[in-house]
């Protein structure tokens, strides 16, 4: 599944501006093409892989919960089957190629706040 909008806000041509890993969640500050600021929280995160995401253009977020992902994660990490069954792989895909700038394995995603450009 591909997420191109969160709460009717387009993700295309936006950028990750801040990553805040916490105990069991990760907060991402994301600036849209028209300068709106979203704070996105990934709840119950297991793993994060950053490929120099800050400041690079993002096209969309891709969500994957395939069996191949589950097999790989169980083999290489100390993650239980139950944790994995509840998790998905969220990837911020680059605007300049079909590759992930930032990947977060987590249970859920939610938007904590939206600050429109006019109100910053």
PDB file of N, CA and C in Angstrom:
ATOM      1  N   UNK A   1       0.840  -1.170   0.000  1.00  0.00           N
ATOM      2  CA  UNK A   1       0.000   0.000   0.000  1.00  0.00           C
ATOM      3  C   UNK A   1       0.894   1.245   0.000  1.00  0.00           C
ATOM      4  N   UNK A   2       0.453   2.258  -0.702  1.00  0.00           N
ATOM      5  CA  UNK A   2       1.192   3.515  -0.776  1.00  0.00           C
ATOM      6  C   UNK A   2       0.348   4.619  -0.131  1.00  0.00           C
ATOM      7  N   UNK A   3       0.971   5.375   0.761  1.00  0.00           N
ATOM      8  CA  UNK A   3       0.295   6.511   1.393  1.00  0.00           C
ATOM      9  C   UNK A   3       0.822   7.776   0.724  1.00  0.00           C
ATOM     10  N   UNK A   4      -0.067   8.480   0.023  1.00  0.00           N
ATOM     11  CA  UNK A   4       0.324   9.727  -0.640  1.00  0.00           C
ATOM     12  C   UNK A   4      -0.190  10.945   0.113  1.00  0.00           C
ATOM     13  N   UNK A   5      -1.160  10.739   1.021  1.00  0.00           N
ATOM     14  CA  UNK A   5      -1.753  11.816   1.806  1.00  0.00           C
ATOM     15  C   UNK A   5      -1.959  11.344   3.242  1.00  0.00           C
ATOM     16  N   UNK A   6      -1.783  12.217   4.196  1.00  0.00           N
ATOM     17  CA  UNK A   6      -2.166  11.975   5.581  1.00  0.00           C
ATOM     18  C   UNK A   6      -3.122  13.092   5.957  1.00  0.00           C
ATOM     19  N   UNK A   7      -4.345  12.728   6.338  1.00  0.00           N
ATOM     20  CA  UNK A   7      -5.379  13.712   6.690  1.00  0.00           C
ATOM     21  C   UNK A   7      -5.507  14.785   5.609  1.00  0.00           C
ATOM     22  N   UNK A   8      -5.587  14.343   4.354  1.00  0.00           N
ATOM     23  CA  UNK A   8      -5.742  15.222   3.186  1.00  0.00           C
ATOM     24  C   UNK A   8      -4.556  16.149   2.936  1.00  0.00           C
ATOM     25  N   UNK A   9      -3.403  15.872   3.547  1.00  0.00           N
ATOM     26  CA  UNK A   9      -2.183  16.645   3.293  1.00  0.00           C
ATOM     27  C   UNK A   9      -1.293  15.801   2.375  1.00  0.00           C
ATOM     28  N   UNK A  10      -0.911  16.356   1.233  1.00  0.00           N
ATOM     29  CA  UNK A  10      -0.062  15.636   0.291  1.00  0.00           C
ATOM     30  C   UNK A  10       1.347  15.472   0.847  1.00  0.00           C
ATOM     31  N   UNK A  11       1.899  14.274   0.695  1.00  0.00           N
ATOM     32  CA  UNK A  11       3.268  13.996   1.126  1.00  0.00           C
ATOM     33  C   UNK A  11       4.280  14.236   0.008  1.00  0.00           C
ATOM     34  N   UNK A  12       3.809  14.351  -1.228  1.00  0.00           N
ATOM     35  CA  UNK A  12       4.704  14.485  -2.379  1.00  0.00           C
ATOM     36  C   UNK A  12       5.578  15.727  -2.263  1.00  0.00           C
ATOM     37  N   UNK A  13       6.845  15.554  -2.583  1.00  0.00           N
ATOM     38  CA  UNK A  13       7.830  16.636  -2.586  1.00  0.00           C
ATOM     39  C   UNK A  13       8.021  17.282  -1.218  1.00  0.00           C
ATOM     40  N   UNK A  14       7.793  16.514  -0.163  1.00  0.00           N
ATOM     41  CA  UNK A  14       8.063  16.985   1.189  1.00  0.00           C
ATOM     42  C   UNK A  14       9.420  16.479   1.633  1.00  0.00           C
ATOM     43  N   UNK A  15       9.741  16.725   2.899  1.00  0.00           N
ATOM     44  CA  UNK A  15      11.023  16.244   3.406  1.00  0.00           C
ATOM     45  C   UNK A  15      10.956  15.998   4.907  1.00  0.00           C
ATOM     46  N   UNK A  16      11.719  15.011   5.334  1.00  0.00           N
ATOM     47  CA  UNK A  16      11.892  14.739   6.759  1.00  0.00           C
ATOM     48  C   UNK A  16      12.845  15.809   7.282  1.00  0.00           C
ATOM     49  N   UNK A  17      12.442  16.499   8.361  1.00  0.00           N
ATOM     50  CA  UNK A  17      13.326  17.531   8.899  1.00  0.00           C
ATOM     51  C   UNK A  17      13.861  17.179  10.290  1.00  0.00           C
ATOM     52  N   UNK A  18      13.219  16.199  10.953  1.00  0.00           N
ATOM     53  CA  UNK A  18      13.695  15.810  12.277  1.00  0.00           C
ATOM     54  C   UNK A  18      13.217  14.402  12.598  1.00  0.00           C
ATOM     55  N   UNK A  19      14.097  13.615  13.225  1.00  0.00           N
ATOM     56  CA  UNK A  19      13.782  12.256  13.663  1.00  0.00           C
ATOM     57  C   UNK A  19      14.032  12.184  15.161  1.00  0.00           C
ATOM     58  N   UNK A  20      13.013  11.779  15.913  1.00  0.00           N
ATOM     59  CA  UNK A  20      13.138  11.683  17.368  1.00  0.00           C
ATOM     60  C   UNK A  20      12.789  10.273  17.842  1.00  0.00           C
ATOM     61  N   UNK A  21      13.778   9.379  17.923  1.00  0.00           N
ATOM     62  CA  UNK A  21      13.495   8.038  18.456  1.00  0.00           C
ATOM     63  C   UNK A  21      13.291   8.118  19.966  1.00  0.00           C
ATOM     64  N   UNK A  22      12.273   7.433  20.443  1.00  0.00           N
ATOM     65  CA  UNK A  22      11.982   7.367  21.872  1.00  0.00           C
ATOM     66  C   UNK A  22      11.884   5.908  22.268  1.00  0.00           C
ATOM     67  N   UNK A  23      11.427   5.638  23.464  1.00  0.00           N
ATOM     68  CA  UNK A  23      11.417   4.280  23.978  1.00  0.00           C
ATOM     69  C   UNK A  23      10.700   3.301  23.056  1.00  0.00           C
ATOM     70  N   UNK A  24       9.419   3.500  22.815  1.00  0.00           N
ATOM     71  CA  UNK A  24       8.680   2.589  21.941  1.00  0.00           C
ATOM     72  C   UNK A  24       7.977   3.311  20.806  1.00  0.00           C
ATOM     73  N   UNK A  25       8.467   4.497  20.477  1.00  0.00           N
ATOM     74  CA  UNK A  25       7.887   5.245  19.370  1.00  0.00           C
ATOM     75  C   UNK A  25       8.948   6.133  18.739  1.00  0.00           C
ATOM     76  N   UNK A  26       8.650   6.578  17.527  1.00  0.00           N
ATOM     77  CA  UNK A  26       9.524   7.499  16.806  1.00  0.00           C
ATOM     78  C   UNK A  26       8.650   8.646  16.309  1.00  0.00           C
ATOM     79  N   UNK A  27       9.077   9.877  16.562  1.00  0.00           N
ATOM     80  CA  UNK A  27       8.380  11.042  16.032  1.00  0.00           C
ATOM     81  C   UNK A  27       9.179  11.589  14.858  1.00  0.00           C
ATOM     82  N   UNK A  28       8.464  11.848  13.770  1.00  0.00           N
ATOM     83  CA  UNK A  28       9.070  12.398  12.565  1.00  0.00           C
ATOM     84  C   UNK A  28       8.427  13.755  12.299  1.00  0.00           C
ATOM     85  N   UNK A  29       9.245  14.785  12.175  1.00  0.00           N
ATOM     86  CA  UNK A  29       8.756  16.095  11.737  1.00  0.00           C
ATOM     87  C   UNK A  29       8.951  16.140  10.228  1.00  0.00           C
ATOM     88  N   UNK A  30       7.875  16.448   9.520  1.00  0.00           N
ATOM     89  CA  UNK A  30       7.847  16.361   8.064  1.00  0.00           C
ATOM     90  C   UNK A  30       7.310  17.673   7.497  1.00  0.00           C
ATOM     91  N   UNK A  31       8.065  18.297   6.608  1.00  0.00           N
ATOM     92  CA  UNK A  31       7.640  19.543   5.971  1.00  0.00           C
ATOM     93  C   UNK A  31       7.149  19.249   4.565  1.00  0.00           C
ATOM     94  N   UNK A  32       5.930  19.681   4.261  1.00  0.00           N
ATOM     95  CA  UNK A  32       5.354  19.451   2.944  1.00  0.00           C
ATOM     96  C   UNK A  32       5.874  20.477   1.941  1.00  0.00           C
ATOM     97  N   UNK A  33       5.578  20.265   0.668  1.00  0.00           N
ATOM     98  CA  UNK A  33       6.050  21.153  -0.397  1.00  0.00           C
ATOM     99  C   UNK A  33       5.590  22.593  -0.184  1.00  0.00           C
ATOM    100  N   UNK A  34       4.419  22.773   0.472  1.00  0.00           N
ATOM    101  CA  UNK A  34       3.906  24.134   0.678  1.00  0.00           C
ATOM    102  C   UNK A  34       4.147  24.625   2.108  1.00  0.00           C
ATOM    103  N   UNK A  35       5.183  24.041   2.755  1.00  0.00           N
ATOM    104  CA  UNK A  35       5.684  24.500   4.052  1.00  0.00           C
ATOM    105  C   UNK A  35       4.806  24.138   5.254  1.00  0.00           C
ATOM    106  N   UNK A  36       3.774  23.293   5.077  1.00  0.00           N
ATOM    107  CA  UNK A  36       3.028  22.802   6.233  1.00  0.00           C
ATOM    108  C   UNK A  36       3.929  21.844   7.000  1.00  0.00           C
ATOM    109  N   UNK A  37       3.757  21.775   8.305  1.00  0.00           N
ATOM    110  CA  UNK A  37       4.568  20.898   9.143  1.00  0.00           C
ATOM    111  C   UNK A  37       3.685  19.827   9.777  1.00  0.00           C
ATOM    112  N   UNK A  38       4.029  18.568   9.553  1.00  0.00           N
ATOM    113  CA  UNK A  38       3.337  17.438  10.165  1.00  0.00           C
ATOM    114  C   UNK A  38       4.259  16.810  11.191  1.00  0.00           C
ATOM    115  N   UNK A  39       3.711  16.409  12.309  1.00  0.00           N
ATOM    116  CA  UNK A  39       4.453  15.576  13.253  1.00  0.00           C
ATOM    117  C   UNK A  39       3.770  14.223  13.220  1.00  0.00           C
ATOM    118  N   UNK A  40       4.515  13.220  12.766  1.00  0.00           N
ATOM    119  CA  UNK A  40       3.994  11.871  12.575  1.00  0.00           C
ATOM    120  C   UNK A  40       4.633  10.967  13.613  1.00  0.00           C
ATOM    121  N   UNK A  41       3.808  10.159  14.278  1.00  0.00           N
ATOM    122  CA  UNK A  41       4.326   9.251  15.297  1.00  0.00           C
ATOM    123  C   UNK A  41       4.161   7.809  14.838  1.00  0.00           C
ATOM    124  N   UNK A  42       5.240   7.057  14.955  1.00  0.00           N
ATOM    125  CA  UNK A  42       5.220   5.630  14.667  1.00  0.00           C
ATOM    126  C   UNK A  42       5.239   4.911  16.016  1.00  0.00           C
ATOM    127  N   UNK A  43       4.154   4.217  16.317  1.00  0.00           N
ATOM    128  CA  UNK A  43       3.938   3.633  17.634  1.00  0.00           C
ATOM    129  C   UNK A  43       4.403   2.178  17.647  1.00  0.00           C
ATOM    130  N   UNK A  44       5.054   1.796  18.741  1.00  0.00           N
ATOM    131  CA  UNK A  44       5.522   0.418  18.885  1.00  0.00           C
ATOM    132  C   UNK A  44       6.611   0.074  17.883  1.00  0.00           C
ATOM    133  N   UNK A  45       7.563   0.995  17.736  1.00  0.00           N
ATOM    134  CA  UNK A  45       8.586   0.733  16.714  1.00  0.00           C
ATOM    135  C   UNK A  45       9.622  -0.271  17.201  1.00  0.00           C
ATOM    136  N   UNK A  46      10.075  -1.077  16.240  1.00  0.00           N
ATOM    137  CA  UNK A  46      11.033  -2.145  16.511  1.00  0.00           C
ATOM    138  C   UNK A  46      12.409  -1.768  15.989  1.00  0.00           C
ATOM    139  N   UNK A  47      12.420  -1.175  14.799  1.00  0.00           N
ATOM    140  CA  UNK A  47      13.688  -0.896  14.128  1.00  0.00           C
ATOM    141  C   UNK A  47      13.519   0.291  13.189  1.00  0.00           C
ATOM    142  N   UNK A  48      14.601   1.043  13.002  1.00  0.00           N
ATOM    143  CA  UNK A  48      14.600   2.168  12.079  1.00  0.00           C
ATOM    144  C   UNK A  48      15.898   2.138  11.280  1.00  0.00           C
ATOM    145  N   UNK A  49      15.792   2.373   9.983  1.00  0.00           N
ATOM    146  CA  UNK A  49      16.965   2.433   9.112  1.00  0.00           C
ATOM    147  C   UNK A  49      16.911   3.767   8.365  1.00  0.00           C
ATOM    148  N   UNK A  50      17.893   4.617   8.622  1.00  0.00           N
ATOM    149  CA  UNK A  50      17.943   5.937   8.006  1.00  0.00           C
ATOM    150  C   UNK A  50      19.023   5.951   6.927  1.00  0.00           C
ATOM    151  N   UNK A  51      18.624   6.365   5.736  1.00  0.00           N
ATOM    152  CA  UNK A  51      19.538   6.437   4.598  1.00  0.00           C
ATOM    153  C   UNK A  51      19.709   7.899   4.193  1.00  0.00           C
ATOM    154  N   UNK A  52      20.194   8.722   5.156  1.00  0.00           N
ATOM    155  CA  UNK A  52      20.363  10.162   4.947  1.00  0.00           C
ATOM    156  C   UNK A  52      19.060  10.828   4.501  1.00  0.00           C
ATOM    157  N   UNK A  53      18.015  10.584   5.269  1.00  0.00           N
ATOM    158  CA  UNK A  53      16.677  11.060   4.887  1.00  0.00           C
ATOM    159  C   UNK A  53      16.461  12.553   5.115  1.00  0.00           C
ATOM    160  N   UNK A  54      17.109  13.127   6.111  1.00  0.00           N
ATOM    161  CA  UNK A  54      16.832  14.519   6.467  1.00  0.00           C
ATOM    162  C   UNK A  54      17.231  15.451   5.318  1.00  0.00           C
ATOM    163  N   UNK A  55      16.238  16.250   4.879  1.00  0.00           N
ATOM    164  CA  UNK A  55      16.477  17.223   3.820  1.00  0.00           C
ATOM    165  C   UNK A  55      16.313  16.708   2.401  1.00  0.00           C
ATOM    166  N   UNK A  56      16.061  15.413   2.220  1.00  0.00           N
ATOM    167  CA  UNK A  56      15.871  14.872   0.876  1.00  0.00           C
ATOM    168  C   UNK A  56      14.387  14.770   0.540  1.00  0.00           C
ATOM    169  N   UNK A  57      14.049  14.956  -0.736  1.00  0.00           N
ATOM    170  CA  UNK A  57      12.657  14.952  -1.184  1.00  0.00           C
ATOM    171  C   UNK A  57      12.034  13.558  -1.088  1.00  0.00           C
ATOM    172  N   UNK A  58      10.821  13.536  -0.521  1.00  0.00           N
ATOM    173  CA  UNK A  58      10.054  12.300  -0.349  1.00  0.00           C
ATOM    174  C   UNK A  58       8.842  12.355  -1.269  1.00  0.00           C
ATOM    175  N   UNK A  59       8.549  11.256  -1.935  1.00  0.00           N
ATOM    176  CA  UNK A  59       7.388  11.152  -2.822  1.00  0.00           C
ATOM    177  C   UNK A  59       6.161  10.624  -2.082  1.00  0.00           C
ATOM    178  N   UNK A  60       6.341   9.565  -1.291  1.00  0.00           N
ATOM    179  CA  UNK A  60       5.230   8.949  -0.570  1.00  0.00           C
ATOM    180  C   UNK A  60       5.777   8.021   0.513  1.00  0.00           C
ATOM    181  N   UNK A  61       4.870   7.482   1.313  1.00  0.00           N
ATOM    182  CA  UNK A  61       5.224   6.449   2.296  1.00  0.00           C
ATOM    183  C   UNK A  61       4.646   5.140   1.792  1.00  0.00           C
ATOM    184  N   UNK A  62       5.485   4.135   1.740  1.00  0.00           N
ATOM    185  CA  UNK A  62       5.049   2.809   1.304  1.00  0.00           C
ATOM    186  C   UNK A  62       4.908   1.910   2.531  1.00  0.00           C
ATOM    187  N   UNK A  63       3.813   1.154   2.606  1.00  0.00           N
ATOM    188  CA  UNK A  63       3.553   0.271   3.741  1.00  0.00           C
ATOM    189  C   UNK A  63       3.607  -1.167   3.253  1.00  0.00           C
ATOM    190  N   UNK A  64       4.369  -2.002   3.981  1.00  0.00           N
ATOM    191  CA  UNK A  64       4.546  -3.405   3.604  1.00  0.00           C
ATOM    192  C   UNK A  64       4.382  -4.275   4.845  1.00  0.00           C
ATOM    193  N   UNK A  65       3.587  -5.328   4.707  1.00  0.00           N
ATOM    194  CA  UNK A  65       3.473  -6.295   5.801  1.00  0.00           C
ATOM    195  C   UNK A  65       3.554  -7.717   5.251  1.00  0.00           C
ATOM    196  N   UNK A  66       4.409  -7.905   4.249  1.00  0.00           N
ATOM    197  CA  UNK A  66       4.511  -9.194   3.557  1.00  0.00           C
ATOM    198  C   UNK A  66       5.205 -10.250   4.409  1.00  0.00           C
ATOM    199  N   UNK A  67       4.977 -11.489   4.066  1.00  0.00           N
ATOM    200  CA  UNK A  67       5.597 -12.614   4.758  1.00  0.00           C
ATOM    201  C   UNK A  67       7.116 -12.607   4.588  1.00  0.00           C
ATOM    202  N   UNK A  68       7.610 -12.161   3.423  1.00  0.00           N
ATOM    203  CA  UNK A  68       9.058 -12.102   3.203  1.00  0.00           C
ATOM    204  C   UNK A  68       9.719 -11.206   4.246  1.00  0.00           C
ATOM    205  N   UNK A  69       9.094 -10.085   4.528  1.00  0.00           N
ATOM    206  CA  UNK A  69       9.594  -9.163   5.543  1.00  0.00           C
ATOM    207  C   UNK A  69       9.653  -9.857   6.895  1.00  0.00           C
ATOM    208  N   UNK A  70       8.606 -10.575   7.243  1.00  0.00           N
ATOM    209  CA  UNK A  70       8.545 -11.256   8.535  1.00  0.00           C
ATOM    210  C   UNK A  70       9.668 -12.286   8.679  1.00  0.00           C
ATOM    211  N   UNK A  71       9.900 -13.066   7.643  1.00  0.00           N
ATOM    212  CA  UNK A  71      10.937 -14.088   7.680  1.00  0.00           C
ATOM    213  C   UNK A  71      12.312 -13.471   7.886  1.00  0.00           C
ATOM    214  N   UNK A  72      12.602 -12.422   7.151  1.00  0.00           N
ATOM    215  CA  UNK A  72      13.897 -11.747   7.252  1.00  0.00           C
ATOM    216  C   UNK A  72      14.093 -11.156   8.631  1.00  0.00           C
ATOM    217  N   UNK A  73      13.091 -10.479   9.167  1.00  0.00           N
ATOM    218  CA  UNK A  73      13.209  -9.837  10.478  1.00  0.00           C
ATOM    219  C   UNK A  73      13.408 -10.866  11.591  1.00  0.00           C
ATOM    220  N   UNK A  74      12.710 -11.979  11.539  1.00  0.00           N
ATOM    221  CA  UNK A  74      12.853 -12.999  12.584  1.00  0.00           C
ATOM    222  C   UNK A  74      14.237 -13.632  12.534  1.00  0.00           C
ATOM    223  N   UNK A  75      14.752 -13.872  11.335  1.00  0.00           N
ATOM    224  CA  UNK A  75      16.057 -14.514  11.191  1.00  0.00           C
ATOM    225  C   UNK A  75      17.197 -13.641  11.700  1.00  0.00           C
ATOM    226  N   UNK A  76      17.133 -12.330  11.480  1.00  0.00           N
ATOM    227  CA  UNK A  76      18.274 -11.463  11.758  1.00  0.00           C
ATOM    228  C   UNK A  76      18.159 -10.608  13.017  1.00  0.00           C
ATOM    229  N   UNK A  77      17.028 -10.602  13.671  1.00  0.00           N
ATOM    230  CA  UNK A  77      16.847  -9.782  14.859  1.00  0.00           C
ATOM    231  C   UNK A  77      16.227 -10.604  15.980  1.00  0.00           C
ATOM    232  N   UNK A  78      16.301 -10.072  17.171  1.00  0.00           N
ATOM    233  CA  UNK A  78      15.702 -10.756  18.310  1.00  0.00           C
ATOM    234  C   UNK A  78      14.275 -10.261  18.530  1.00  0.00           C
ATOM    235  N   UNK A  79      13.463 -10.408  17.510  1.00  0.00           N
ATOM    236  CA  UNK A  79      12.071  -9.973  17.532  1.00  0.00           C
ATOM    237  C   UNK A  79      11.190 -11.207  17.554  1.00  0.00           C
ATOM    238  N   UNK A  80      10.195 -11.176  18.407  1.00  0.00           N
ATOM    239  CA  UNK A  80       9.307 -12.336  18.510  1.00  0.00           C
ATOM    240  C   UNK A  80       8.298 -12.343  17.363  1.00  0.00           C
ATOM    241  N   UNK A  81       7.751 -13.486  17.129  1.00  0.00           N
ATOM    242  CA  UNK A  81       6.727 -13.653  16.094  1.00  0.00           C
ATOM    243  C   UNK A  81       5.510 -12.765  16.393  1.00  0.00           C
ATOM    244  N   UNK A  82       5.106 -12.681  17.649  1.00  0.00           N
ATOM    245  CA  UNK A  82       3.951 -11.854  18.026  1.00  0.00           C
ATOM    246  C   UNK A  82       4.201 -10.380  17.730  1.00  0.00           C
ATOM    247  N   UNK A  83       5.392  -9.878  18.091  1.00  0.00           N
ATOM    248  CA  UNK A  83       5.724  -8.476  17.805  1.00  0.00           C
ATOM    249  C   UNK A  83       5.652  -8.206  16.311  1.00  0.00           C
ATOM    250  N   UNK A  84       6.174  -9.138  15.547  1.00  0.00           N
ATOM    251  CA  UNK A  84       6.226  -8.968  14.106  1.00  0.00           C
ATOM    252  C   UNK A  84       4.842  -9.026  13.467  1.00  0.00           C
ATOM    253  N   UNK A  85       3.976  -9.899  13.986  1.00  0.00           N
ATOM    254  CA  UNK A  85       2.625 -10.016  13.436  1.00  0.00           C
ATOM    255  C   UNK A  85       1.847  -8.722  13.560  1.00  0.00           C
ATOM    256  N   UNK A  86       2.188  -7.919  14.544  1.00  0.00           N
ATOM    257  CA  UNK A  86       1.494  -6.654  14.767  1.00  0.00           C
ATOM    258  C   UNK A  86       2.163  -5.490  14.039  1.00  0.00           C
ATOM    259  N   UNK A  87       3.303  -5.704  13.404  1.00  0.00           N
ATOM    260  CA  UNK A  87       4.093  -4.615  12.833  1.00  0.00           C
ATOM    261  C   UNK A  87       4.017  -4.552  11.317  1.00  0.00           C
ATOM    262  N   UNK A  88       4.333  -3.347  10.805  1.00  0.00           N
ATOM    263  CA  UNK A  88       4.424  -3.117   9.371  1.00  0.00           C
ATOM    264  C   UNK A  88       5.717  -2.361   9.094  1.00  0.00           C
ATOM    265  N   UNK A  89       6.129  -2.384   7.857  1.00  0.00           N
ATOM    266  CA  UNK A  89       7.314  -1.661   7.409  1.00  0.00           C
ATOM    267  C   UNK A  89       6.837  -0.394   6.692  1.00  0.00           C
ATOM    268  N   UNK A  90       7.208   0.768   7.240  1.00  0.00           N
ATOM    269  CA  UNK A  90       6.848   2.062   6.658  1.00  0.00           C
ATOM    270  C   UNK A  90       8.113   2.653   6.036  1.00  0.00           C
ATOM    271  N   UNK A  91       8.077   2.903   4.729  1.00  0.00           N
ATOM    272  CA  UNK A  91       9.253   3.427   4.027  1.00  0.00           C
ATOM    273  C   UNK A  91       8.934   4.770   3.381  1.00  0.00           C
ATOM    274  N   UNK A  92       9.773   5.766   3.674  1.00  0.00           N
ATOM    275  CA  UNK A  92       9.678   7.066   3.020  1.00  0.00           C
ATOM    276  C   UNK A  92      10.460   6.945   1.717  1.00  0.00           C
ATOM    277  N   UNK A  93       9.752   6.966   0.594  1.00  0.00           N
ATOM    278  CA  UNK A  93      10.358   6.710  -0.712  1.00  0.00           C
ATOM    279  C   UNK A  93      10.807   8.026  -1.360  1.00  0.00           C
ATOM    280  N   UNK A  94      12.027   8.010  -1.884  1.00  0.00           N
ATOM    281  CA  UNK A  94      12.630   9.181  -2.503  1.00  0.00           C
ATOM    282  C   UNK A  94      11.861   9.635  -3.745  1.00  0.00           C
ATOM    283  N   UNK A  95      11.824  10.932  -3.945  1.00  0.00           N
ATOM    284  CA  UNK A  95      11.229  11.497  -5.166  1.00  0.00           C
ATOM    285  C   UNK A  95      12.128  11.272  -6.376  1.00  0.00           C
ATOM    286  N   UNK A  96      13.402  10.997  -6.145  1.00  0.00           N
ATOM    287  CA  UNK A  96      14.381  10.920  -7.226  1.00  0.00           C
ATOM    288  C   UNK A  96      14.769   9.508  -7.593  1.00  0.00           C
ATOM    289  N   UNK A  97      14.083   8.523  -7.072  1.00  0.00           N
ATOM    290  CA  UNK A  97      14.352   7.137  -7.395  1.00  0.00           C
ATOM    291  C   UNK A  97      13.492   6.265  -6.514  1.00  0.00           C
ATOM    292  N   UNK A  98      13.350   5.030  -6.889  1.00  0.00           N
ATOM    293  CA  UNK A  98      12.488   4.125  -6.140  1.00  0.00           C
ATOM    294  C   UNK A  98      13.277   3.441  -5.031  1.00  0.00           C
ATOM    295  N   UNK A  99      13.744   4.229  -4.059  1.00  0.00           N
ATOM    296  CA  UNK A  99      14.464   3.663  -2.931  1.00  0.00           C
ATOM    297  C   UNK A  99      14.034   4.356  -1.648  1.00  0.00           C
ATOM    298  N   UNK A 100      14.259   3.678  -0.545  1.00  0.00           N
ATOM    299  CA  UNK A 100      13.819   4.182   0.751  1.00  0.00           C
ATOM    300  C   UNK A 100      14.866   5.098   1.369  1.00  0.00           C
ATOM    301  N   UNK A 101      14.421   6.292   1.762  1.00  0.00           N
ATOM    302  CA  UNK A 101      15.272   7.217   2.501  1.00  0.00           C
ATOM    303  C   UNK A 101      15.237   6.898   3.990  1.00  0.00           C
ATOM    304  N   UNK A 102      14.078   6.450   4.462  1.00  0.00           N
ATOM    305  CA  UNK A 102      13.888   6.139   5.871  1.00  0.00           C
ATOM    306  C   UNK A 102      12.893   4.995   5.972  1.00  0.00           C
ATOM    307  N   UNK A 103      13.254   3.972   6.737  1.00  0.00           N
ATOM    308  CA  UNK A 103      12.362   2.834   6.951  1.00  0.00           C
ATOM    309  C   UNK A 103      12.157   2.660   8.441  1.00  0.00           C
ATOM    310  N   UNK A 104      10.901   2.519   8.825  1.00  0.00           N
ATOM    311  CA  UNK A 104      10.553   2.304  10.226  1.00  0.00           C
ATOM    312  C   UNK A 104       9.644   1.097  10.320  1.00  0.00           C
ATOM    313  N   UNK A 105      10.030   0.139  11.165  1.00  0.00           N
ATOM    314  CA  UNK A 105       9.198  -1.024  11.450  1.00  0.00           C
ATOM    315  C   UNK A 105       8.432  -0.707  12.728  1.00  0.00           C
ATOM    316  N   UNK A 106       7.099  -0.618  12.633  1.00  0.00           N
ATOM    317  CA  UNK A 106       6.286  -0.214  13.781  1.00  0.00           C
ATOM    318  C   UNK A 106       4.890  -0.817  13.686  1.00  0.00           C
ATOM    319  N   UNK A 107       4.151  -0.722  14.800  1.00  0.00           N
ATOM    320  CA  UNK A 107       2.797  -1.266  14.846  1.00  0.00           C
ATOM    321  C   UNK A 107       1.781  -0.361  14.174  1.00  0.00           C
ATOM    322  N   UNK A 108       1.954   0.955  14.322  1.00  0.00           N
ATOM    323  CA  UNK A 108       0.939   1.865  13.819  1.00  0.00           C
ATOM    324  C   UNK A 108       1.545   3.241  13.544  1.00  0.00           C
ATOM    325  N   UNK A 109       0.774   4.055  12.855  1.00  0.00           N
ATOM    326  CA  UNK A 109       1.186   5.410  12.513  1.00  0.00           C
ATOM    327  C   UNK A 109       0.028   6.349  12.829  1.00  0.00           C
ATOM    328  N   UNK A 110       0.354   7.541  13.351  1.00  0.00           N
ATOM    329  CA  UNK A 110      -0.686   8.556  13.529  1.00  0.00           C
ATOM    330  C   UNK A 110      -0.071   9.944  13.403  1.00  0.00           C
ATOM    331  N   UNK A 111      -0.900  10.877  12.977  1.00  0.00           N
ATOM    332  CA  UNK A 111      -0.463  12.268  12.862  1.00  0.00           C
ATOM    333  C   UNK A 111      -0.771  12.959  14.187  1.00  0.00           C
ATOM    334  N   UNK A 112       0.263  13.489  14.840  1.00  0.00           N
ATOM    335  CA  UNK A 112       0.086  14.169  16.126  1.00  0.00           C
ATOM    336  C   UNK A 112      -0.329  15.617  15.947  1.00  0.00           C
ATOM    337  N   UNK A 113       0.241  16.278  14.949  1.00  0.00           N
ATOM    338  CA  UNK A 113      -0.122  17.679  14.740  1.00  0.00           C
ATOM    339  C   UNK A 113       0.143  18.099  13.304  1.00  0.00           C
ATOM    340  N   UNK A 114      -0.585  19.125  12.905  1.00  0.00           N
ATOM    341  CA  UNK A 114      -0.401  19.759  11.601  1.00  0.00           C
ATOM    342  C   UNK A 114      -0.332  21.260  11.866  1.00  0.00           C
ATOM    343  N   UNK A 115       0.744  21.873  11.431  1.00  0.00           N
ATOM    344  CA  UNK A 115       0.869  23.331  11.543  1.00  0.00           C
ATOM    345  C   UNK A 115       0.942  23.865  10.126  1.00  0.00           C
ATOM    346  N   UNK A 116      -0.082  24.612   9.745  1.00  0.00           N
ATOM    347  CA  UNK A 116      -0.113  25.170   8.401  1.00  0.00           C
ATOM    348  C   UNK A 116       0.912  26.280   8.282  1.00  0.00           C
ATOM    349  N   UNK A 117       1.442  26.462   7.088  1.00  0.00           N
ATOM    350  CA  UNK A 117       2.514  27.444   6.840  1.00  0.00           C
ATOM    351  C   UNK A 117       2.144  28.836   7.322  1.00  0.00           C
ATOM    352  N   UNK A 118       0.887  29.214   7.188  1.00  0.00           N
ATOM    353  CA  UNK A 118       0.436  30.556   7.603  1.00  0.00           C
ATOM    354  C   UNK A 118       0.511  30.754   9.113  1.00  0.00           C
ATOM    355  N   UNK A 119       0.533  29.649   9.879  1.00  0.00           N
ATOM    356  CA  UNK A 119       0.494  29.734  11.350  1.00  0.00           C
ATOM    357  C   UNK A 119       1.826  29.458  12.029  1.00  0.00           C
ATOM    358  N   UNK A 120       2.895  29.389  11.263  1.00  0.00           N
ATOM    359  CA  UNK A 120       4.198  29.086  11.852  1.00  0.00           C
ATOM    360  C   UNK A 120       4.891  30.336  12.337  1.00  0.00           C
TER     361      UNK A 120
END
